[in-house]
Amino acid sequence: MAETRIDISELKSDGGDVIKELAEFLEEKTKAEVETATNEIIVKGEGKTISKKYLRVLLRKFLHKVELKDYFRVIGGKENTLIVKEKKIAEE
């Protein structure tokens, strides 16, 4: 069983509802088992693995849907890890 971790420690500051929505969104789209831990979401794929690339696309879609795309970006972490990172916004 393959699993991919998504680091959401920075996204958590936006509230628990966003995390719950994200977990439901991922579960619906990937049809995989999605667990929510303290600072991360773990997507466990049964049989076929869910590619990191596909998860990245889903995360971007979700951020766009909840209108947080301007504040967060998705970057690759260590093996099988994606990180939702806050964008550094240039102050004028």
PDB file of N, CA and C in Angstrom:
ATOM      1  N   MET A   1       0.840  -1.186   0.000  1.00  0.00           N
ATOM      2  CA  MET A   1       0.000   0.000   0.000  1.00  0.00           C
ATOM      3  C   MET A   1       0.885   1.249   0.000  1.00  0.00           C
ATOM      4  N   ALA A   2       0.630   2.092  -0.989  1.00  0.00           N
ATOM      5  CA  ALA A   2       1.437   3.314  -1.110  1.00  0.00           C
ATOM      6  C   ALA A   2       0.718   4.465  -0.423  1.00  0.00           C
ATOM      7  N   GLU A   3       1.492   5.303   0.210  1.00  0.00           N
ATOM      8  CA  GLU A   3       0.866   6.472   0.823  1.00  0.00           C
ATOM      9  C   GLU A   3       1.668   7.719   0.509  1.00  0.00           C
ATOM     10  N   THR A   4       0.947   8.810   0.365  1.00  0.00           N
ATOM     11  CA  THR A   4       1.563  10.102   0.122  1.00  0.00           C
ATOM     12  C   THR A   4       1.133  11.020   1.243  1.00  0.00           C
ATOM     13  N   ARG A   5       2.086  11.768   1.762  1.00  0.00           N
ATOM     14  CA  ARG A   5       1.778  12.691   2.857  1.00  0.00           C
ATOM     15  C   ARG A   5       1.719  14.118   2.313  1.00  0.00           C
ATOM     16  N   ILE A   6       0.780  14.871   2.833  1.00  0.00           N
ATOM     17  CA  ILE A   6       0.649  16.273   2.453  1.00  0.00           C
ATOM     18  C   ILE A   6       0.807  17.094   3.719  1.00  0.00           C
ATOM     19  N   ASP A   7       1.852  17.905   3.755  1.00  0.00           N
ATOM     20  CA  ASP A   7       2.141  18.739   4.918  1.00  0.00           C
ATOM     21  C   ASP A   7       1.219  19.967   4.880  1.00  0.00           C
ATOM     22  N   ILE A   8       0.350  20.080   5.865  1.00  0.00           N
ATOM     23  CA  ILE A   8      -0.616  21.177   5.880  1.00  0.00           C
ATOM     24  C   ILE A   8      -0.422  22.096   7.085  1.00  0.00           C
ATOM     25  N   SER A   9       0.756  22.048   7.692  1.00  0.00           N
ATOM     26  CA  SER A   9       0.970  22.829   8.918  1.00  0.00           C
ATOM     27  C   SER A   9       0.745  24.328   8.687  1.00  0.00           C
ATOM     28  N   GLU A  10       1.108  24.841   7.502  1.00  0.00           N
ATOM     29  CA  GLU A  10       0.908  26.279   7.254  1.00  0.00           C
ATOM     30  C   GLU A  10      -0.534  26.592   6.869  1.00  0.00           C
ATOM     31  N   LEU A  11      -1.191  25.626   6.244  1.00  0.00           N
ATOM     32  CA  LEU A  11      -2.586  25.821   5.821  1.00  0.00           C
ATOM     33  C   LEU A  11      -3.524  25.799   7.029  1.00  0.00           C
ATOM     34  N   LYS A  12      -3.104  25.099   8.095  1.00  0.00           N
ATOM     35  CA  LYS A  12      -3.918  24.952   9.300  1.00  0.00           C
ATOM     36  C   LYS A  12      -4.277  26.281   9.938  1.00  0.00           C
ATOM     37  N   SER A  13      -3.430  27.272   9.763  1.00  0.00           N
ATOM     38  CA  SER A  13      -3.684  28.583  10.353  1.00  0.00           C
ATOM     39  C   SER A  13      -4.959  29.205   9.783  1.00  0.00           C
ATOM     40  N   ASP A  14      -5.425  28.670   8.638  1.00  0.00           N
ATOM     41  CA  ASP A  14      -6.650  29.182   8.013  1.00  0.00           C
ATOM     42  C   ASP A  14      -7.912  28.570   8.606  1.00  0.00           C
ATOM     43  N   GLY A  15      -7.745  27.638   9.511  1.00  0.00           N
ATOM     44  CA  GLY A  15      -8.909  27.053  10.187  1.00  0.00           C
ATOM     45  C   GLY A  15      -9.129  25.590   9.851  1.00  0.00           C
ATOM     46  N   GLY A  16      -9.746  24.883  10.793  1.00  0.00           N
ATOM     47  CA  GLY A  16      -9.977  23.449  10.661  1.00  0.00           C
ATOM     48  C   GLY A  16     -10.957  23.066   9.568  1.00  0.00           C
ATOM     49  N   ASP A  17     -11.884  23.981   9.249  1.00  0.00           N
ATOM     50  CA  ASP A  17     -12.872  23.682   8.216  1.00  0.00           C
ATOM     51  C   ASP A  17     -12.199  23.438   6.872  1.00  0.00           C
ATOM     52  N   VAL A  18     -11.190  24.227   6.575  1.00  0.00           N
ATOM     53  CA  VAL A  18     -10.467  24.091   5.306  1.00  0.00           C
ATOM     54  C   VAL A  18      -9.825  22.711   5.221  1.00  0.00           C
ATOM     55  N   ILE A  19      -9.259  22.247   6.324  1.00  0.00           N
ATOM     56  CA  ILE A  19      -8.594  20.948   6.359  1.00  0.00           C
ATOM     57  C   ILE A  19      -9.612  19.824   6.140  1.00  0.00           C
ATOM     58  N   LYS A  20     -10.758  19.945   6.818  1.00  0.00           N
ATOM     59  CA  LYS A  20     -11.807  18.932   6.680  1.00  0.00           C
ATOM     60  C   LYS A  20     -12.299  18.882   5.227  1.00  0.00           C
ATOM     61  N   GLU A  21     -12.511  20.063   4.651  1.00  0.00           N
ATOM     62  CA  GLU A  21     -12.956  20.161   3.254  1.00  0.00           C
ATOM     63  C   GLU A  21     -11.938  19.533   2.323  1.00  0.00           C
ATOM     64  N   LEU A  22     -10.664  19.823   2.572  1.00  0.00           N
ATOM     65  CA  LEU A  22      -9.589  19.291   1.731  1.00  0.00           C
ATOM     66  C   LEU A  22      -9.557  17.768   1.795  1.00  0.00           C
ATOM     67  N   ALA A  23      -9.684  17.208   2.998  1.00  0.00           N
ATOM     68  CA  ALA A  23      -9.676  15.758   3.165  1.00  0.00           C
ATOM     69  C   ALA A  23     -10.840  15.127   2.397  1.00  0.00           C
ATOM     70  N   GLU A  24     -12.025  15.732   2.502  1.00  0.00           N
ATOM     71  CA  GLU A  24     -13.201  15.216   1.791  1.00  0.00           C
ATOM     72  C   GLU A  24     -13.009  15.319   0.288  1.00  0.00           C
ATOM     73  N   PHE A  25     -12.461  16.445  -0.158  1.00  0.00           N
ATOM     74  CA  PHE A  25     -12.215  16.685  -1.576  1.00  0.00           C
ATOM     75  C   PHE A  25     -11.269  15.626  -2.142  1.00  0.00           C
ATOM     76  N   LEU A  26     -10.181  15.355  -1.428  1.00  0.00           N
ATOM     77  CA  LEU A  26      -9.204  14.360  -1.877  1.00  0.00           C
ATOM     78  C   LEU A  26      -9.806  12.962  -1.899  1.00  0.00           C
ATOM     79  N   GLU A  27     -10.593  12.658  -0.874  1.00  0.00           N
ATOM     80  CA  GLU A  27     -11.216  11.331  -0.794  1.00  0.00           C
ATOM     81  C   GLU A  27     -12.160  11.111  -1.977  1.00  0.00           C
ATOM     82  N   GLU A  28     -12.931  12.153  -2.281  1.00  0.00           N
ATOM     83  CA  GLU A  28     -13.897  12.074  -3.373  1.00  0.00           C
ATOM     84  C   GLU A  28     -13.198  11.901  -4.726  1.00  0.00           C
ATOM     85  N   LYS A  29     -12.138  12.656  -4.935  1.00  0.00           N
ATOM     86  CA  LYS A  29     -11.451  12.636  -6.226  1.00  0.00           C
ATOM     87  C   LYS A  29     -10.578  11.397  -6.435  1.00  0.00           C
ATOM     88  N   THR A  30      -9.923  10.923  -5.373  1.00  0.00           N
ATOM     89  CA  THR A  30      -8.974   9.815  -5.535  1.00  0.00           C
ATOM     90  C   THR A  30      -9.585   8.465  -5.207  1.00  0.00           C
ATOM     91  N   LYS A  31     -10.738   8.475  -4.534  1.00  0.00           N
ATOM     92  CA  LYS A  31     -11.380   7.235  -4.077  1.00  0.00           C
ATOM     93  C   LYS A  31     -10.403   6.401  -3.231  1.00  0.00           C
ATOM     94  N   ALA A  32      -9.550   7.078  -2.497  1.00  0.00           N
ATOM     95  CA  ALA A  32      -8.557   6.419  -1.645  1.00  0.00           C
ATOM     96  C   ALA A  32      -8.891   6.734  -0.189  1.00  0.00           C
ATOM     97  N   GLU A  33      -8.172   6.071   0.705  1.00  0.00           N
ATOM     98  CA  GLU A  33      -8.365   6.308   2.128  1.00  0.00           C
ATOM     99  C   GLU A  33      -7.575   7.569   2.505  1.00  0.00           C
ATOM    100  N   VAL A  34      -8.254   8.521   3.138  1.00  0.00           N
ATOM    101  CA  VAL A  34      -7.604   9.775   3.511  1.00  0.00           C
ATOM    102  C   VAL A  34      -7.666   9.930   5.029  1.00  0.00           C
ATOM    103  N   GLU A  35      -6.491  10.065   5.652  1.00  0.00           N
ATOM    104  CA  GLU A  35      -6.416  10.251   7.106  1.00  0.00           C
ATOM    105  C   GLU A  35      -5.903  11.648   7.399  1.00  0.00           C
ATOM    106  N   THR A  36      -6.438  12.245   8.438  1.00  0.00           N
ATOM    107  CA  THR A  36      -5.962  13.560   8.840  1.00  0.00           C
ATOM    108  C   THR A  36      -5.181  13.410  10.143  1.00  0.00           C
ATOM    109  N   ALA A  37      -3.916  13.811  10.122  1.00  0.00           N
ATOM    110  CA  ALA A  37      -3.096  13.803  11.330  1.00  0.00           C
ATOM    111  C   ALA A  37      -2.954  15.259  11.798  1.00  0.00           C
ATOM    112  N   THR A  38      -2.136  15.489  12.806  1.00  0.00           N
ATOM    113  CA  THR A  38      -2.008  16.836  13.350  1.00  0.00           C
ATOM    114  C   THR A  38      -1.595  17.860  12.300  1.00  0.00           C
ATOM    115  N   ASN A  39      -0.470  17.624  11.638  1.00  0.00           N
ATOM    116  CA  ASN A  39       0.008  18.597  10.658  1.00  0.00           C
ATOM    117  C   ASN A  39       0.055  18.066   9.240  1.00  0.00           C
ATOM    118  N   GLU A  40      -0.608  16.938   9.011  1.00  0.00           N
ATOM    119  CA  GLU A  40      -0.567  16.410   7.654  1.00  0.00           C
ATOM    120  C   GLU A  40      -1.795  15.581   7.320  1.00  0.00           C
ATOM    121  N   ILE A  41      -1.987  15.414   6.012  1.00  0.00           N
ATOM    122  CA  ILE A  41      -3.045  14.548   5.512  1.00  0.00           C
ATOM    123  C   ILE A  41      -2.329  13.399   4.832  1.00  0.00           C
ATOM    124  N   ILE A  42      -2.772  12.174   5.107  1.00  0.00           N
ATOM    125  CA  ILE A  42      -2.132  11.003   4.506  1.00  0.00           C
ATOM    126  C   ILE A  42      -3.123  10.359   3.545  1.00  0.00           C
ATOM    127  N   VAL A  43      -2.704  10.232   2.277  1.00  0.00           N
ATOM    128  CA  VAL A  43      -3.553   9.610   1.266  1.00  0.00           C
ATOM    129  C   VAL A  43      -3.004   8.216   1.007  1.00  0.00           C
ATOM    130  N   LYS A  44      -3.815   7.200   1.325  1.00  0.00           N
ATOM    131  CA  LYS A  44      -3.369   5.819   1.138  1.00  0.00           C
ATOM    132  C   LYS A  44      -4.084   5.222  -0.061  1.00  0.00           C
ATOM    133  N   GLY A  45      -3.307   4.848  -1.070  1.00  0.00           N
ATOM    134  CA  GLY A  45      -3.878   4.265  -2.272  1.00  0.00           C
ATOM    135  C   GLY A  45      -3.909   2.758  -2.186  1.00  0.00           C
ATOM    136  N   GLU A  46      -5.065   2.165  -2.411  1.00  0.00           N
ATOM    137  CA  GLU A  46      -5.196   0.712  -2.433  1.00  0.00           C
ATOM    138  C   GLU A  46      -4.778   0.230  -3.815  1.00  0.00           C
ATOM    139  N   GLY A  47      -3.901  -0.759  -3.867  1.00  0.00           N
ATOM    140  CA  GLY A  47      -3.500  -1.310  -5.167  1.00  0.00           C
ATOM    141  C   GLY A  47      -2.700  -0.305  -5.965  1.00  0.00           C
ATOM    142  N   LYS A  48      -3.365   0.352  -6.892  1.00  0.00           N
ATOM    143  CA  LYS A  48      -2.631   1.327  -7.711  1.00  0.00           C
ATOM    144  C   LYS A  48      -2.288   2.574  -6.876  1.00  0.00           C
ATOM    145  N   THR A  49      -1.118   3.103  -7.146  1.00  0.00           N
ATOM    146  CA  THR A  49      -0.701   4.266  -6.374  1.00  0.00           C
ATOM    147  C   THR A  49      -1.239   5.541  -7.014  1.00  0.00           C
ATOM    148  N   ILE A  50      -1.465   6.522  -6.195  1.00  0.00           N
ATOM    149  CA  ILE A  50      -1.916   7.808  -6.674  1.00  0.00           C
ATOM    150  C   ILE A  50      -0.664   8.650  -6.868  1.00  0.00           C
ATOM    151  N   SER A  51      -0.463   9.103  -8.092  1.00  0.00           N
ATOM    152  CA  SER A  51       0.785   9.808  -8.373  1.00  0.00           C
ATOM    153  C   SER A  51       0.844  11.153  -7.655  1.00  0.00           C
ATOM    154  N   LYS A  52       2.058  11.518  -7.317  1.00  0.00           N
ATOM    155  CA  LYS A  52       2.316  12.762  -6.622  1.00  0.00           C
ATOM    156  C   LYS A  52       1.882  13.939  -7.504  1.00  0.00           C
ATOM    157  N   LYS A  53       2.105  13.772  -8.817  1.00  0.00           N
ATOM    158  CA  LYS A  53       1.757  14.809  -9.782  1.00  0.00           C
ATOM    159  C   LYS A  53       0.243  15.068  -9.756  1.00  0.00           C
ATOM    160  N   TYR A  54      -0.533  13.968  -9.733  1.00  0.00           N
ATOM    161  CA  TYR A  54      -1.992  14.086  -9.716  1.00  0.00           C
ATOM    162  C   TYR A  54      -2.469  14.747  -8.422  1.00  0.00           C
ATOM    163  N   LEU A  55      -1.861  14.374  -7.304  1.00  0.00           N
ATOM    164  CA  LEU A  55      -2.228  14.991  -6.028  1.00  0.00           C
ATOM    165  C   LEU A  55      -1.915  16.485  -6.029  1.00  0.00           C
ATOM    166  N   ARG A  56      -0.802  16.838  -6.642  1.00  0.00           N
ATOM    167  CA  ARG A  56      -0.423  18.258  -6.720  1.00  0.00           C
ATOM    168  C   ARG A  56      -1.487  19.039  -7.493  1.00  0.00           C
ATOM    169  N   VAL A  57      -1.949  18.450  -8.602  1.00  0.00           N
ATOM    170  CA  VAL A  57      -2.998  19.085  -9.406  1.00  0.00           C
ATOM    171  C   VAL A  57      -4.276  19.253  -8.582  1.00  0.00           C
ATOM    172  N   LEU A  58      -4.638  18.187  -7.859  1.00  0.00           N
ATOM    173  CA  LEU A  58      -5.838  18.255  -7.016  1.00  0.00           C
ATOM    174  C   LEU A  58      -5.708  19.320  -5.931  1.00  0.00           C
ATOM    175  N   LEU A  59      -4.538  19.411  -5.325  1.00  0.00           N
ATOM    176  CA  LEU A  59      -4.320  20.420  -4.282  1.00  0.00           C
ATOM    177  C   LEU A  59      -4.462  21.827  -4.860  1.00  0.00           C
ATOM    178  N   ARG A  60      -3.905  22.022  -6.053  1.00  0.00           N
ATOM    179  CA  ARG A  60      -4.022  23.341  -6.694  1.00  0.00           C
ATOM    180  C   ARG A  60      -5.479  23.664  -6.995  1.00  0.00           C
ATOM    181  N   LYS A  61      -6.224  22.657  -7.501  1.00  0.00           N
ATOM    182  CA  LYS A  61      -7.654  22.862  -7.795  1.00  0.00           C
ATOM    183  C   LYS A  61      -8.406  23.243  -6.535  1.00  0.00           C
ATOM    184  N   PHE A  62      -8.092  22.552  -5.437  1.00  0.00           N
ATOM    185  CA  PHE A  62      -8.764  22.822  -4.175  1.00  0.00           C
ATOM    186  C   PHE A  62      -8.463  24.241  -3.699  1.00  0.00           C
ATOM    187  N   LEU A  63      -7.204  24.637  -3.744  1.00  0.00           N
ATOM    188  CA  LEU A  63      -6.825  25.986  -3.306  1.00  0.00           C
ATOM    189  C   LEU A  63      -7.549  27.037  -4.143  1.00  0.00           C
ATOM    190  N   HIS A  64      -7.710  26.747  -5.433  1.00  0.00           N
ATOM    191  CA  HIS A  64      -8.408  27.664  -6.322  1.00  0.00           C
ATOM    192  C   HIS A  64      -9.892  27.739  -5.929  1.00  0.00           C
ATOM    193  N   LYS A  65     -10.468  26.558  -5.649  1.00  0.00           N
ATOM    194  CA  LYS A  65     -11.884  26.466  -5.306  1.00  0.00           C
ATOM    195  C   LYS A  65     -12.219  27.247  -4.040  1.00  0.00           C
ATOM    196  N   VAL A  66     -11.365  27.148  -3.034  1.00  0.00           N
ATOM    197  CA  VAL A  66     -11.632  27.861  -1.771  1.00  0.00           C
ATOM    198  C   VAL A  66     -10.971  29.241  -1.744  1.00  0.00           C
ATOM    199  N   GLU A  67     -10.543  29.686  -2.919  1.00  0.00           N
ATOM    200  CA  GLU A  67      -9.957  31.027  -3.102  1.00  0.00           C
ATOM    201  C   GLU A  67      -8.758  31.311  -2.208  1.00  0.00           C
ATOM    202  N   LEU A  68      -7.877  30.300  -2.070  1.00  0.00           N
ATOM    203  CA  LEU A  68      -6.644  30.511  -1.303  1.00  0.00           C
ATOM    204  C   LEU A  68      -5.430  30.409  -2.220  1.00  0.00           C
ATOM    205  N   LYS A  69      -5.690  30.323  -3.520  1.00  0.00           N
ATOM    206  CA  LYS A  69      -4.609  30.112  -4.483  1.00  0.00           C
ATOM    207  C   LYS A  69      -3.591  31.259  -4.468  1.00  0.00           C
ATOM    208  N   ASP A  70      -4.075  32.454  -4.126  1.00  0.00           N
ATOM    209  CA  ASP A  70      -3.178  33.610  -4.091  1.00  0.00           C
ATOM    210  C   ASP A  70      -2.268  33.619  -2.869  1.00  0.00           C
ATOM    211  N   TYR A  71      -2.604  32.797  -1.869  1.00  0.00           N
ATOM    212  CA  TYR A  71      -1.848  32.835  -0.619  1.00  0.00           C
ATOM    213  C   TYR A  71      -0.997  31.599  -0.358  1.00  0.00           C
ATOM    214  N   PHE A  72      -1.330  30.492  -1.042  1.00  0.00           N
ATOM    215  CA  PHE A  72      -0.595  29.253  -0.821  1.00  0.00           C
ATOM    216  C   PHE A  72      -0.132  28.651  -2.133  1.00  0.00           C
ATOM    217  N   ARG A  73       0.954  27.868  -2.062  1.00  0.00           N
ATOM    218  CA  ARG A  73       1.405  27.132  -3.236  1.00  0.00           C
ATOM    219  C   ARG A  73       1.763  25.713  -2.802  1.00  0.00           C
ATOM    220  N   VAL A  74       1.821  24.819  -3.789  1.00  0.00           N
ATOM    221  CA  VAL A  74       2.111  23.422  -3.490  1.00  0.00           C
ATOM    222  C   VAL A  74       3.518  23.108  -3.988  1.00  0.00           C
ATOM    223  N   ILE A  75       4.360  22.618  -3.098  1.00  0.00           N
ATOM    224  CA  ILE A  75       5.716  22.253  -3.509  1.00  0.00           C
ATOM    225  C   ILE A  75       5.995  20.806  -3.100  1.00  0.00           C
ATOM    226  N   GLY A  76       6.936  20.203  -3.787  1.00  0.00           N
ATOM    227  CA  GLY A  76       7.309  18.829  -3.464  1.00  0.00           C
ATOM    228  C   GLY A  76       8.260  18.819  -2.287  1.00  0.00           C
ATOM    229  N   GLY A  77       8.077  17.852  -1.432  1.00  0.00           N
ATOM    230  CA  GLY A  77       8.964  17.709  -0.285  1.00  0.00           C
ATOM    231  C   GLY A  77       9.847  16.499  -0.516  1.00  0.00           C
ATOM    232  N   LYS A  78      10.160  15.798   0.565  1.00  0.00           N
ATOM    233  CA  LYS A  78      10.925  14.563   0.456  1.00  0.00           C
ATOM    234  C   LYS A  78      10.093  13.530  -0.291  1.00  0.00           C
ATOM    235  N   GLU A  79      10.622  12.352  -0.411  1.00  0.00           N
ATOM    236  CA  GLU A  79       9.938  11.278  -1.118  1.00  0.00           C
ATOM    237  C   GLU A  79       8.502  11.102  -0.621  1.00  0.00           C
ATOM    238  N   ASN A  80       7.575  11.068  -1.550  1.00  0.00           N
ATOM    239  CA  ASN A  80       6.143  10.909  -1.247  1.00  0.00           C
ATOM    240  C   ASN A  80       5.581  11.973  -0.312  1.00  0.00           C
ATOM    241  N   THR A  81       6.082  13.184  -0.396  1.00  0.00           N
ATOM    242  CA  THR A  81       5.563  14.265   0.438  1.00  0.00           C
ATOM    243  C   THR A  81       5.317  15.503  -0.410  1.00  0.00           C
ATOM    244  N   LEU A  82       4.185  16.123  -0.185  1.00  0.00           N
ATOM    245  CA  LEU A  82       3.886  17.410  -0.801  1.00  0.00           C
ATOM    246  C   LEU A  82       3.682  18.404   0.331  1.00  0.00           C
ATOM    247  N   ILE A  83       4.029  19.660   0.089  1.00  0.00           N
ATOM    248  CA  ILE A  83       3.907  20.667   1.142  1.00  0.00           C
ATOM    249  C   ILE A  83       3.051  21.823   0.623  1.00  0.00           C
ATOM    250  N   VAL A  84       2.030  22.185   1.412  1.00  0.00           N
ATOM    251  CA  VAL A  84       1.238  23.360   1.080  1.00  0.00           C
ATOM    252  C   VAL A  84       1.897  24.505   1.831  1.00  0.00           C
ATOM    253  N   LYS A  85       2.529  25.393   1.084  1.00  0.00           N
ATOM    254  CA  LYS A  85       3.332  26.464   1.688  1.00  0.00           C
ATOM    255  C   LYS A  85       2.694  27.823   1.463  1.00  0.00           C
ATOM    256  N   GLU A  86       2.854  28.674   2.463  1.00  0.00           N
ATOM    257  CA  GLU A  86       2.319  30.020   2.327  1.00  0.00           C
ATOM    258  C   GLU A  86       3.229  30.824   1.405  1.00  0.00           C
ATOM    259  N   LYS A  87       2.611  31.573   0.509  1.00  0.00           N
ATOM    260  CA  LYS A  87       3.409  32.383  -0.409  1.00  0.00           C
ATOM    261  C   LYS A  87       3.915  33.609   0.328  1.00  0.00           C
ATOM    262  N   LYS A  88       5.118  33.992  -0.015  1.00  0.00           N
ATOM    263  CA  LYS A  88       5.652  35.232   0.552  1.00  0.00           C
ATOM    264  C   LYS A  88       5.158  36.355  -0.342  1.00  0.00           C
ATOM    265  N   ILE A  89       4.330  37.193   0.218  1.00  0.00           N
ATOM    266  CA  ILE A  89       3.754  38.273  -0.570  1.00  0.00           C
ATOM    267  C   ILE A  89       4.585  39.526  -0.359  1.00  0.00           C
ATOM    268  N   ALA A  90       5.042  40.088  -1.485  1.00  0.00           N
ATOM    269  CA  ALA A  90       5.866  41.296  -1.434  1.00  0.00           C
ATOM    270  C   ALA A  90       5.031  42.459  -0.929  1.00  0.00           C
ATOM    271  N   GLU A  91       5.533  43.099   0.087  1.00  0.00           N
ATOM    272  CA  GLU A  91       4.809  44.238   0.629  1.00  0.00           C
ATOM    273  C   GLU A  91       5.300  45.503  -0.028  1.00  0.00           C
ATOM    274  N   GLU A  92       4.338  46.378  -0.327  1.00  0.00           N
ATOM    275  CA  GLU A  92       4.723  47.622  -0.992  1.00  0.00           C
ATOM    276  C   GLU A  92       5.039  48.698   0.022  1.00  0.00           C
TER     277      GLU A  92
END
